């Protein structure tokens, strides 16, 4: 009798777990459809919003947040946080621009730019793991260090360089149609499998490795930023970390760690891009967009708390 009850409880737990995973998957997707529906309901916006050209813009705008979300998903699943993303992206883009200006080969620029991001992550992870310091404090400090370093390397101004093959990564060819998509969009999509495999390790992975690998993604995002702006700018990506955290939490990750998905984070990043794009199409002022993004972040954290409370019952 006791064995039957135990088996029934086990089946019930598996059922709840599967239902929770289904909700975490379908929730962000429904959220994306809802946001798109809001803008499509506006007759003045719909003809411009529902076009291949506009979806190309949305996907291109998603790339940097999506790539950063790949790294942040791993960090949040491990119970950490990284507030230095925006500064890291700025620093790596300036490093890349400086290397191009010094006539380094494109392949070398790509490698060193991405490794710069990995090095920032290694410092963060090493301090967090080695000295058992709070990720919030360590990465908050790194936010200032990386931003200051970007201004120092760039001499407090943008780093302009001659035309480079790297500019084509995010170039909008045939802007009036959906295809061809920029190479950066395919890079963001193609990284999912690797990130999913790494994030699957979760808390068993050493924190230093988690932050280092995440840093590589942030460095890659810096390379995309460099290609998109065709210059290194130490003042870019301010507040990027908020968009990335929001994308990951909207995608179903818990800020307490232990749960999250790459697919959910990608959908979350797409939601953020659609929100910004639709707001621009609607002619809403910048401050209104910031208010909306702030509300979305609060709602995302609220949903995370709701998921946690239901999981405990």
C-alpha atoms as a PDB file:
ATOM      1  CA  UNK A   1       0.000   0.000   0.000  1.00  0.00           C
ATOM      2  CA  UNK A   2       2.821   2.375   0.942  1.00  0.00           C
ATOM      3  CA  UNK A   3       4.610   1.504  -2.294  1.00  0.00           C
ATOM      4  CA  UNK A   4       1.511   2.411  -4.308  1.00  0.00           C
ATOM      5  CA  UNK A   5       1.192   5.733  -2.510  1.00  0.00           C
ATOM      6  CA  UNK A   6       4.872   6.485  -3.094  1.00  0.00           C
ATOM      7  CA  UNK A   7       4.530   5.598  -6.773  1.00  0.00           C
ATOM      8  CA  UNK A   8       1.444   7.798  -7.064  1.00  0.00           C
ATOM      9  CA  UNK A   9       3.246  10.731  -5.450  1.00  0.00           C
ATOM     10  CA  UNK A  10       6.201  10.253  -7.792  1.00  0.00           C
ATOM     11  CA  UNK A  11       3.926  10.247 -10.833  1.00  0.00           C
ATOM     12  CA  UNK A  12       2.182  13.343  -9.494  1.00  0.00           C
ATOM     13  CA  UNK A  13       5.490  15.167  -9.027  1.00  0.00           C
ATOM     14  CA  UNK A  14       6.590  14.280 -12.549  1.00  0.00           C
ATOM     15  CA  UNK A  15       3.258  15.503 -13.868  1.00  0.00           C
ATOM     16  CA  UNK A  16       3.597  18.833 -12.067  1.00  0.00           C
ATOM     17  CA  UNK A  17       7.170  19.182 -13.289  1.00  0.00           C
ATOM     18  CA  UNK A  18       6.155  18.528 -16.882  1.00  0.00           C
ATOM     19  CA  UNK A  19       3.259  20.990 -16.566  1.00  0.00           C
ATOM     20  CA  UNK A  20       5.621  23.608 -15.107  1.00  0.00           C
ATOM     21  CA  UNK A  21       8.035  23.139 -18.011  1.00  0.00           C
ATOM     22  CA  UNK A  22       5.165  23.436 -20.477  1.00  0.00           C
ATOM     23  CA  UNK A  23       4.030  26.698 -18.849  1.00  0.00           C
ATOM     24  CA  UNK A  24       7.598  28.046 -18.890  1.00  0.00           C
ATOM     25  CA  UNK A  25       7.752  27.265 -22.607  1.00  0.00           C
ATOM     26  CA  UNK A  26       4.314  28.452 -23.684  1.00  0.00           C
ATOM     27  CA  UNK A  27       4.246  31.521 -21.393  1.00  0.00           C
ATOM     28  CA  UNK A  28       6.977  33.534 -23.181  1.00  0.00           C
ATOM     29  CA  UNK A  29       5.539  32.542 -26.559  1.00  0.00           C
ATOM     30  CA  UNK A  30       2.092  33.781 -25.576  1.00  0.00           C
ATOM     31  CA  UNK A  31       3.708  36.938 -24.245  1.00  0.00           C
ATOM     32  CA  UNK A  32       5.379  37.538 -27.613  1.00  0.00           C
ATOM     33  CA  UNK A  33       2.110  37.013 -29.475  1.00  0.00           C
ATOM     34  CA  UNK A  34       0.337  39.370 -27.075  1.00  0.00           C
ATOM     35  CA  UNK A  35       2.901  42.163 -27.563  1.00  0.00           C
ATOM     36  CA  UNK A  36       2.743  41.766 -31.336  1.00  0.00           C
ATOM     37  CA  UNK A  37      -1.049  41.761 -31.172  1.00  0.00           C
ATOM     38  CA  UNK A  38      -1.075  45.055 -29.253  1.00  0.00           C
ATOM     39  CA  UNK A  39       0.858  46.836 -31.992  1.00  0.00           C
ATOM     40  CA  UNK A  40      -1.017  45.093 -34.796  1.00  0.00           C
ATOM     41  CA  UNK A  41      -4.289  46.360 -33.322  1.00  0.00           C
ATOM     42  CA  UNK A  42      -3.217  49.895 -34.253  1.00  0.00           C
ATOM     43  CA  UNK A  43      -4.406  50.439 -37.826  1.00  0.00           C
ATOM     44  CA  UNK A  44      -1.795  53.116 -38.438  1.00  0.00           C
ATOM     45  CA  UNK A  45       1.090  50.970 -37.206  1.00  0.00           C
ATOM     46  CA  UNK A  46       0.068  47.574 -38.646  1.00  0.00           C
ATOM     47  CA  UNK A  47       0.963  48.263 -42.338  1.00  0.00           C
ATOM     48  CA  UNK A  48       4.521  49.152 -41.329  1.00  0.00           C
ATOM     49  CA  UNK A  49       4.877  46.672 -38.470  1.00  0.00           C
ATOM     50  CA  UNK A  50       3.845  43.529 -40.368  1.00  0.00           C
ATOM     51  CA  UNK A  51       6.445  43.713 -43.111  1.00  0.00           C
ATOM     52  CA  UNK A  52       9.488  41.634 -43.933  1.00  0.00           C
ATOM     53  CA  UNK A  53      11.668  44.740 -43.792  1.00  0.00           C
ATOM     54  CA  UNK A  54      10.513  45.542 -40.259  1.00  0.00           C
ATOM     55  CA  UNK A  55      10.953  41.970 -39.048  1.00  0.00           C
ATOM     56  CA  UNK A  56      14.505  42.072 -40.397  1.00  0.00           C
ATOM     57  CA  UNK A  57      15.088  45.187 -38.285  1.00  0.00           C
ATOM     58  CA  UNK A  58      13.562  43.491 -35.222  1.00  0.00           C
ATOM     59  CA  UNK A  59      15.733  40.393 -35.612  1.00  0.00           C
ATOM     60  CA  UNK A  60      18.829  42.519 -36.117  1.00  0.00           C
ATOM     61  CA  UNK A  61      18.006  44.535 -33.015  1.00  0.00           C
ATOM     62  CA  UNK A  62      17.515  41.275 -31.091  1.00  0.00           C
ATOM     63  CA  UNK A  63      21.009  39.923 -31.815  1.00  0.00           C
ATOM     64  CA  UNK A  64      23.011  41.720 -29.127  1.00  0.00           C
ATOM     65  CA  UNK A  65      20.471  41.153 -26.341  1.00  0.00           C
ATOM     66  CA  UNK A  66      19.955  37.532 -27.447  1.00  0.00           C
ATOM     67  CA  UNK A  67      23.662  36.686 -27.430  1.00  0.00           C
ATOM     68  CA  UNK A  68      24.085  38.319 -24.031  1.00  0.00           C
ATOM     69  CA  UNK A  69      21.009  36.418 -22.814  1.00  0.00           C
ATOM     70  CA  UNK A  70      22.755  33.147 -23.694  1.00  0.00           C
ATOM     71  CA  UNK A  71      25.493  33.966 -21.201  1.00  0.00           C
ATOM     72  CA  UNK A  72      23.162  35.489 -18.625  1.00  0.00           C
ATOM     73  CA  UNK A  73      20.950  32.388 -18.680  1.00  0.00           C
ATOM     74  CA  UNK A  74      23.866  30.280 -17.492  1.00  0.00           C
ATOM     75  CA  UNK A  75      24.727  32.778 -14.776  1.00  0.00           C
ATOM     76  CA  UNK A  76      21.161  33.131 -13.481  1.00  0.00           C
ATOM     77  CA  UNK A  77      20.616  29.359 -13.504  1.00  0.00           C
ATOM     78  CA  UNK A  78      23.691  29.066 -11.272  1.00  0.00           C
ATOM     79  CA  UNK A  79      22.137  31.554  -8.853  1.00  0.00           C
ATOM     80  CA  UNK A  80      24.286  34.526  -9.893  1.00  0.00           C
ATOM     81  CA  UNK A  81      23.880  37.827 -11.697  1.00  0.00           C
ATOM     82  CA  UNK A  82      26.086  40.011 -13.905  1.00  0.00           C
ATOM     83  CA  UNK A  83      25.611  43.780 -13.970  1.00  0.00           C
ATOM     84  CA  UNK A  84      28.736  44.461 -16.049  1.00  0.00           C
ATOM     85  CA  UNK A  85      27.320  43.300 -19.388  1.00  0.00           C
ATOM     86  CA  UNK A  86      26.772  46.737 -20.921  1.00  0.00           C
ATOM     87  CA  UNK A  87      30.209  47.972 -19.913  1.00  0.00           C
ATOM     88  CA  UNK A  88      31.771  44.720 -21.115  1.00  0.00           C
ATOM     89  CA  UNK A  89      30.122  45.058 -24.519  1.00  0.00           C
ATOM     90  CA  UNK A  90      31.365  48.647 -24.770  1.00  0.00           C
ATOM     91  CA  UNK A  91      34.913  47.642 -23.781  1.00  0.00           C
ATOM     92  CA  UNK A  92      35.108  44.693 -26.177  1.00  0.00           C
ATOM     93  CA  UNK A  93      33.760  46.804 -29.059  1.00  0.00           C
ATOM     94  CA  UNK A  94      36.408  49.460 -28.393  1.00  0.00           C
ATOM     95  CA  UNK A  95      39.108  46.778 -28.200  1.00  0.00           C
ATOM     96  CA  UNK A  96      37.926  45.360 -31.541  1.00  0.00           C
ATOM     97  CA  UNK A  97      37.866  48.779 -33.195  1.00  0.00           C
ATOM     98  CA  UNK A  98      41.354  49.553 -31.877  1.00  0.00           C
ATOM     99  CA  UNK A  99      42.702  46.271 -33.236  1.00  0.00           C
ATOM    100  CA  UNK A 100      41.200  46.971 -36.672  1.00  0.00           C
ATOM    101  CA  UNK A 101      42.742  50.445 -36.589  1.00  0.00           C
ATOM    102  CA  UNK A 102      46.110  48.813 -35.897  1.00  0.00           C
ATOM    103  CA  UNK A 103      45.665  46.587 -38.991  1.00  0.00           C
ATOM    104  CA  UNK A 104      45.179  43.272 -37.193  1.00  0.00           C
ATOM    105  CA  UNK A 105      43.732  40.513 -39.456  1.00  0.00           C
ATOM    106  CA  UNK A 106      39.914  40.124 -39.132  1.00  0.00           C
ATOM    107  CA  UNK A 107      40.229  36.600 -37.682  1.00  0.00           C
ATOM    108  CA  UNK A 108      42.601  37.876 -35.009  1.00  0.00           C
ATOM    109  CA  UNK A 109      40.258  40.777 -34.225  1.00  0.00           C
ATOM    110  CA  UNK A 110      37.350  38.363 -33.754  1.00  0.00           C
ATOM    111  CA  UNK A 111      39.349  36.054 -31.486  1.00  0.00           C
ATOM    112  CA  UNK A 112      40.853  38.791 -29.301  1.00  0.00           C
ATOM    113  CA  UNK A 113      37.559  40.680 -29.003  1.00  0.00           C
ATOM    114  CA  UNK A 114      35.682  37.585 -27.830  1.00  0.00           C
ATOM    115  CA  UNK A 115      38.541  36.580 -25.523  1.00  0.00           C
ATOM    116  CA  UNK A 116      38.464  40.033 -23.946  1.00  0.00           C
ATOM    117  CA  UNK A 117      34.897  39.317 -22.921  1.00  0.00           C
ATOM    118  CA  UNK A 118      35.961  35.928 -21.607  1.00  0.00           C
ATOM    119  CA  UNK A 119      38.750  37.560 -19.595  1.00  0.00           C
ATOM    120  CA  UNK A 120      36.281  39.971 -17.968  1.00  0.00           C
ATOM    121  CA  UNK A 121      34.078  37.010 -17.091  1.00  0.00           C
ATOM    122  CA  UNK A 122      37.052  35.109 -15.710  1.00  0.00           C
ATOM    123  CA  UNK A 123      37.901  37.987 -13.371  1.00  0.00           C
ATOM    124  CA  UNK A 124      34.290  38.207 -12.217  1.00  0.00           C
ATOM    125  CA  UNK A 125      33.971  34.456 -11.686  1.00  0.00           C
ATOM    126  CA  UNK A 126      37.379  34.137 -10.077  1.00  0.00           C
ATOM    127  CA  UNK A 127      36.629  36.807  -7.479  1.00  0.00           C
ATOM    128  CA  UNK A 128      33.099  35.524  -6.832  1.00  0.00           C
ATOM    129  CA  UNK A 129      34.212  31.919  -6.435  1.00  0.00           C
ATOM    130  CA  UNK A 130      37.635  32.516  -4.878  1.00  0.00           C
ATOM    131  CA  UNK A 131      36.636  35.106  -2.283  1.00  0.00           C
ATOM    132  CA  UNK A 132      32.986  34.025  -1.954  1.00  0.00           C
ATOM    133  CA  UNK A 133      31.797  37.533  -2.689  1.00  0.00           C
ATOM    134  CA  UNK A 134      28.302  38.451  -3.834  1.00  0.00           C
ATOM    135  CA  UNK A 135      27.961  38.482  -7.656  1.00  0.00           C
ATOM    136  CA  UNK A 136      25.922  41.694  -7.398  1.00  0.00           C
ATOM    137  CA  UNK A 137      28.783  43.591  -5.736  1.00  0.00           C
ATOM    138  CA  UNK A 138      31.584  42.129  -7.856  1.00  0.00           C
ATOM    139  CA  UNK A 139      29.899  42.735 -11.188  1.00  0.00           C
ATOM    140  CA  UNK A 140      28.717  46.182 -10.076  1.00  0.00           C
ATOM    141  CA  UNK A 141      32.376  47.021  -9.489  1.00  0.00           C
ATOM    142  CA  UNK A 142      33.334  45.514 -12.834  1.00  0.00           C
ATOM    143  CA  UNK A 143      30.683  47.709 -14.483  1.00  0.00           C
ATOM    144  CA  UNK A 144      32.719  50.774 -13.556  1.00  0.00           C
ATOM    145  CA  UNK A 145      36.089  49.164 -14.290  1.00  0.00           C
ATOM    146  CA  UNK A 146      35.097  47.994 -17.783  1.00  0.00           C
ATOM    147  CA  UNK A 147      33.396  51.282 -18.687  1.00  0.00           C
ATOM    148  CA  UNK A 148      36.375  53.281 -17.473  1.00  0.00           C
ATOM    149  CA  UNK A 149      38.778  51.005 -19.357  1.00  0.00           C
ATOM    150  CA  UNK A 150      36.753  51.462 -22.551  1.00  0.00           C
ATOM    151  CA  UNK A 151      37.009  55.251 -22.199  1.00  0.00           C
ATOM    152  CA  UNK A 152      40.721  54.970 -21.428  1.00  0.00           C
ATOM    153  CA  UNK A 153      41.507  52.787 -24.451  1.00  0.00           C
ATOM    154  CA  UNK A 154      39.308  54.907 -26.715  1.00  0.00           C
ATOM    155  CA  UNK A 155      40.742  58.141 -25.262  1.00  0.00           C
ATOM    156  CA  UNK A 156      37.227  59.071 -24.174  1.00  0.00           C
ATOM    157  CA  UNK A 157      35.931  59.200 -27.746  1.00  0.00           C
ATOM    158  CA  UNK A 158      34.663  56.857 -30.449  1.00  0.00           C
ATOM    159  CA  UNK A 159      37.248  54.751 -32.256  1.00  0.00           C
ATOM    160  CA  UNK A 160      36.683  55.086 -36.003  1.00  0.00           C
ATOM    161  CA  UNK A 161      38.431  52.732 -38.378  1.00  0.00           C
ATOM    162  CA  UNK A 162      38.647  52.091 -42.146  1.00  0.00           C
ATOM    163  CA  UNK A 163      36.138  49.792 -43.812  1.00  0.00           C
ATOM    164  CA  UNK A 164      36.464  46.207 -42.560  1.00  0.00           C
ATOM    165  CA  UNK A 165      34.990  42.815 -43.554  1.00  0.00           C
ATOM    166  CA  UNK A 166      33.634  42.624 -39.995  1.00  0.00           C
ATOM    167  CA  UNK A 167      31.168  45.389 -40.831  1.00  0.00           C
ATOM    168  CA  UNK A 168      29.258  42.908 -42.991  1.00  0.00           C
ATOM    169  CA  UNK A 169      28.300  40.764 -39.988  1.00  0.00           C
ATOM    170  CA  UNK A 170      25.438  43.090 -39.067  1.00  0.00           C
ATOM    171  CA  UNK A 171      24.973  44.838 -42.425  1.00  0.00           C
ATOM    172  CA  UNK A 172      21.345  45.217 -43.569  1.00  0.00           C
ATOM    173  CA  UNK A 173      21.512  44.108 -47.177  1.00  0.00           C
ATOM    174  CA  UNK A 174      18.266  44.435 -49.158  1.00  0.00           C
ATOM    175  CA  UNK A 175      16.605  46.429 -46.335  1.00  0.00           C
ATOM    176  CA  UNK A 176      13.194  46.333 -48.030  1.00  0.00           C
ATOM    177  CA  UNK A 177      12.836  42.550 -47.653  1.00  0.00           C
ATOM    178  CA  UNK A 178      13.206  39.959 -44.885  1.00  0.00           C
ATOM    179  CA  UNK A 179      15.968  37.964 -46.572  1.00  0.00           C
ATOM    180  CA  UNK A 180      18.902  37.834 -46.631  1.00  0.00           C
ATOM    181  CA  UNK A 181      19.220  38.169 -42.873  1.00  0.00           C
ATOM    182  CA  UNK A 182      22.448  39.608 -41.447  1.00  0.00           C
ATOM    183  CA  UNK A 183      25.054  37.030 -40.478  1.00  0.00           C
ATOM    184  CA  UNK A 184      24.763  38.127 -36.851  1.00  0.00           C
ATOM    185  CA  UNK A 185      21.183  36.820 -36.685  1.00  0.00           C
ATOM    186  CA  UNK A 186      22.333  33.348 -37.720  1.00  0.00           C
ATOM    187  CA  UNK A 187      25.224  33.507 -35.234  1.00  0.00           C
ATOM    188  CA  UNK A 188      22.773  34.200 -32.395  1.00  0.00           C
ATOM    189  CA  UNK A 189      20.571  31.283 -33.438  1.00  0.00           C
ATOM    190  CA  UNK A 190      23.510  28.936 -33.995  1.00  0.00           C
ATOM    191  CA  UNK A 191      24.870  29.488 -30.485  1.00  0.00           C
ATOM    192  CA  UNK A 192      21.841  27.950 -28.789  1.00  0.00           C
ATOM    193  CA  UNK A 193      23.009  24.346 -28.780  1.00  0.00           C
ATOM    194  CA  UNK A 194      26.343  25.134 -27.143  1.00  0.00           C
ATOM    195  CA  UNK A 195      24.768  27.382 -24.536  1.00  0.00           C
ATOM    196  CA  UNK A 196      22.051  24.855 -23.766  1.00  0.00           C
ATOM    197  CA  UNK A 197      24.616  22.140 -23.222  1.00  0.00           C
ATOM    198  CA  UNK A 198      26.681  24.331 -20.918  1.00  0.00           C
ATOM    199  CA  UNK A 199      23.697  25.648 -18.989  1.00  0.00           C
ATOM    200  CA  UNK A 200      22.525  22.068 -18.518  1.00  0.00           C
ATOM    201  CA  UNK A 201      25.444  21.572 -16.158  1.00  0.00           C
ATOM    202  CA  UNK A 202      23.904  24.210 -13.883  1.00  0.00           C
ATOM    203  CA  UNK A 203      25.274  24.501 -10.363  1.00  0.00           C
ATOM    204  CA  UNK A 204      27.806  21.665 -10.760  1.00  0.00           C
ATOM    205  CA  UNK A 205      29.862  23.850 -13.030  1.00  0.00           C
ATOM    206  CA  UNK A 206      32.458  25.972 -11.310  1.00  0.00           C
ATOM    207  CA  UNK A 207      31.399  29.591 -11.043  1.00  0.00           C
ATOM    208  CA  UNK A 208      34.617  30.799 -12.579  1.00  0.00           C
ATOM    209  CA  UNK A 209      33.941  28.716 -15.687  1.00  0.00           C
ATOM    210  CA  UNK A 210      30.315  29.856 -15.869  1.00  0.00           C
ATOM    211  CA  UNK A 211      31.264  33.531 -15.809  1.00  0.00           C
ATOM    212  CA  UNK A 212      34.157  32.979 -18.218  1.00  0.00           C
ATOM    213  CA  UNK A 213      32.016  31.203 -20.801  1.00  0.00           C
ATOM    214  CA  UNK A 214      29.283  33.804 -20.343  1.00  0.00           C
ATOM    215  CA  UNK A 215      31.958  36.453 -20.865  1.00  0.00           C
ATOM    216  CA  UNK A 216      32.783  34.919 -24.232  1.00  0.00           C
ATOM    217  CA  UNK A 217      29.168  35.463 -25.270  1.00  0.00           C
ATOM    218  CA  UNK A 218      29.348  39.052 -24.022  1.00  0.00           C
ATOM    219  CA  UNK A 219      32.526  39.511 -26.056  1.00  0.00           C
ATOM    220  CA  UNK A 220      30.738  38.129 -29.104  1.00  0.00           C
ATOM    221  CA  UNK A 221      27.929  40.623 -28.456  1.00  0.00           C
ATOM    222  CA  UNK A 222      30.567  43.352 -28.345  1.00  0.00           C
ATOM    223  CA  UNK A 223      31.754  42.226 -31.761  1.00  0.00           C
ATOM    224  CA  UNK A 224      28.169  42.471 -33.047  1.00  0.00           C
ATOM    225  CA  UNK A 225      27.931  45.973 -31.549  1.00  0.00           C
ATOM    226  CA  UNK A 226      31.161  46.923 -33.312  1.00  0.00           C
ATOM    227  CA  UNK A 227      29.854  45.626 -36.633  1.00  0.00           C
ATOM    228  CA  UNK A 228      26.482  47.322 -36.213  1.00  0.00           C
ATOM    229  CA  UNK A 229      27.901  50.774 -35.390  1.00  0.00           C
ATOM    230  CA  UNK A 230      31.037  50.347 -37.572  1.00  0.00           C
ATOM    231  CA  UNK A 231      32.990  51.987 -34.759  1.00  0.00           C
ATOM    232  CA  UNK A 232      34.019  51.379 -31.177  1.00  0.00           C
ATOM    233  CA  UNK A 233      32.087  53.572 -28.779  1.00  0.00           C
ATOM    234  CA  UNK A 234      32.888  53.518 -25.020  1.00  0.00           C
ATOM    235  CA  UNK A 235      29.510  55.086 -24.228  1.00  0.00           C
ATOM    236  CA  UNK A 236      27.278  52.420 -25.839  1.00  0.00           C
ATOM    237  CA  UNK A 237      25.189  49.669 -24.215  1.00  0.00           C
ATOM    238  CA  UNK A 238      24.321  51.674 -21.094  1.00  0.00           C
ATOM    239  CA  UNK A 239      21.473  49.795 -19.399  1.00  0.00           C
ATOM    240  CA  UNK A 240      21.905  46.749 -21.658  1.00  0.00           C
ATOM    241  CA  UNK A 241      22.119  44.504 -18.600  1.00  0.00           C
ATOM    242  CA  UNK A 242      18.546  45.435 -17.656  1.00  0.00           C
ATOM    243  CA  UNK A 243      17.212  44.362 -21.057  1.00  0.00           C
ATOM    244  CA  UNK A 244      19.187  41.118 -20.856  1.00  0.00           C
ATOM    245  CA  UNK A 245      18.039  40.265 -17.322  1.00  0.00           C
ATOM    246  CA  UNK A 246      14.465  41.085 -18.297  1.00  0.00           C
ATOM    247  CA  UNK A 247      14.718  38.864 -21.384  1.00  0.00           C
ATOM    248  CA  UNK A 248      16.010  35.922 -19.343  1.00  0.00           C
ATOM    249  CA  UNK A 249      13.397  36.285 -16.593  1.00  0.00           C
ATOM    250  CA  UNK A 250      10.579  36.806 -19.117  1.00  0.00           C
ATOM    251  CA  UNK A 251      11.845  33.615 -20.737  1.00  0.00           C
ATOM    252  CA  UNK A 252      11.109  31.665 -17.557  1.00  0.00           C
ATOM    253  CA  UNK A 253      14.384  31.737 -15.616  1.00  0.00           C
ATOM    254  CA  UNK A 254      14.219  32.142 -11.856  1.00  0.00           C
ATOM    255  CA  UNK A 255      16.328  34.835 -10.207  1.00  0.00           C
ATOM    256  CA  UNK A 256      16.837  32.366  -7.342  1.00  0.00           C
ATOM    257  CA  UNK A 257      18.624  30.052  -9.764  1.00  0.00           C
ATOM    258  CA  UNK A 258      18.059  26.445 -10.709  1.00  0.00           C
ATOM    259  CA  UNK A 259      15.675  26.941 -13.616  1.00  0.00           C
ATOM    260  CA  UNK A 260      15.692  28.579 -17.027  1.00  0.00           C
ATOM    261  CA  UNK A 261      15.857  27.775 -20.714  1.00  0.00           C
ATOM    262  CA  UNK A 262      17.772  29.036 -23.716  1.00  0.00           C
ATOM    263  CA  UNK A 263      14.682  29.010 -25.936  1.00  0.00           C
ATOM    264  CA  UNK A 264      12.743  31.008 -23.360  1.00  0.00           C
ATOM    265  CA  UNK A 265      15.540  33.570 -23.122  1.00  0.00           C
ATOM    266  CA  UNK A 266      15.629  33.939 -26.913  1.00  0.00           C
ATOM    267  CA  UNK A 267      11.877  34.570 -26.971  1.00  0.00           C
ATOM    268  CA  UNK A 268      12.326  37.031 -24.105  1.00  0.00           C
ATOM    269  CA  UNK A 269      14.972  38.901 -26.098  1.00  0.00           C
ATOM    270  CA  UNK A 270      12.610  38.994 -29.070  1.00  0.00           C
ATOM    271  CA  UNK A 271       9.841  40.417 -26.863  1.00  0.00           C
ATOM    272  CA  UNK A 272      12.150  43.240 -25.770  1.00  0.00           C
ATOM    273  CA  UNK A 273      13.044  44.031 -29.394  1.00  0.00           C
ATOM    274  CA  UNK A 274       9.393  43.964 -30.498  1.00  0.00           C
ATOM    275  CA  UNK A 275       8.478  46.294 -27.633  1.00  0.00           C
ATOM    276  CA  UNK A 276      11.088  48.837 -28.659  1.00  0.00           C
ATOM    277  CA  UNK A 277      10.331  48.524 -32.359  1.00  0.00           C
ATOM    278  CA  UNK A 278       6.584  48.776 -31.901  1.00  0.00           C
ATOM    279  CA  UNK A 279       6.999  51.779 -29.614  1.00  0.00           C
ATOM    280  CA  UNK A 280       9.075  53.534 -32.271  1.00  0.00           C
ATOM    281  CA  UNK A 281       6.539  52.659 -34.953  1.00  0.00           C
ATOM    282  CA  UNK A 282       3.795  54.081 -32.748  1.00  0.00           C
ATOM    283  CA  UNK A 283       5.725  57.312 -32.320  1.00  0.00           C
ATOM    284  CA  UNK A 284       5.954  56.991 -28.544  1.00  0.00           C
ATOM    285  CA  UNK A 285       8.626  59.194 -26.935  1.00  0.00           C
ATOM    286  CA  UNK A 286      11.774  57.637 -25.488  1.00  0.00           C
ATOM    287  CA  UNK A 287      10.695  58.223 -21.892  1.00  0.00           C
ATOM    288  CA  UNK A 288       7.490  56.274 -22.543  1.00  0.00           C
ATOM    289  CA  UNK A 289       9.522  53.353 -23.883  1.00  0.00           C
ATOM    290  CA  UNK A 290      11.696  53.406 -20.758  1.00  0.00           C
ATOM    291  CA  UNK A 291       8.603  53.384 -18.546  1.00  0.00           C
ATOM    292  CA  UNK A 292       7.169  50.418 -20.465  1.00  0.00           C
ATOM    293  CA  UNK A 293      10.436  48.463 -20.238  1.00  0.00           C
ATOM    294  CA  UNK A 294      10.584  49.196 -16.505  1.00  0.00           C
ATOM    295  CA  UNK A 295       7.040  47.896 -16.041  1.00  0.00           C
ATOM    296  CA  UNK A 296       7.890  44.766 -18.023  1.00  0.00           C
ATOM    297  CA  UNK A 297      10.896  44.099 -15.778  1.00  0.00           C
ATOM    298  CA  UNK A 298       8.759  44.454 -12.630  1.00  0.00           C
ATOM    299  CA  UNK A 299       6.079  42.178 -14.097  1.00  0.00           C
ATOM    300  CA  UNK A 300       8.734  39.623 -15.069  1.00  0.00           C
ATOM    301  CA  UNK A 301      10.100  39.508 -11.525  1.00  0.00           C
ATOM    302  CA  UNK A 302       6.538  39.288 -10.198  1.00  0.00           C
ATOM    303  CA  UNK A 303       5.847  36.305 -12.448  1.00  0.00           C
ATOM    304  CA  UNK A 304       9.057  34.705 -11.204  1.00  0.00           C
ATOM    305  CA  UNK A 305       7.861  35.085  -7.605  1.00  0.00           C
ATOM    306  CA  UNK A 306       4.470  33.654  -8.560  1.00  0.00           C
ATOM    307  CA  UNK A 307       6.098  30.625 -10.177  1.00  0.00           C
ATOM    308  CA  UNK A 308       8.199  30.051  -7.063  1.00  0.00           C
ATOM    309  CA  UNK A 309       5.219  30.261  -4.700  1.00  0.00           C
ATOM    310  CA  UNK A 310       3.241  27.790  -6.816  1.00  0.00           C
ATOM    311  CA  UNK A 311       6.201  25.425  -6.944  1.00  0.00           C
ATOM    312  CA  UNK A 312       6.314  25.322  -3.139  1.00  0.00           C
ATOM    313  CA  UNK A 313       2.626  24.382  -2.801  1.00  0.00           C
END
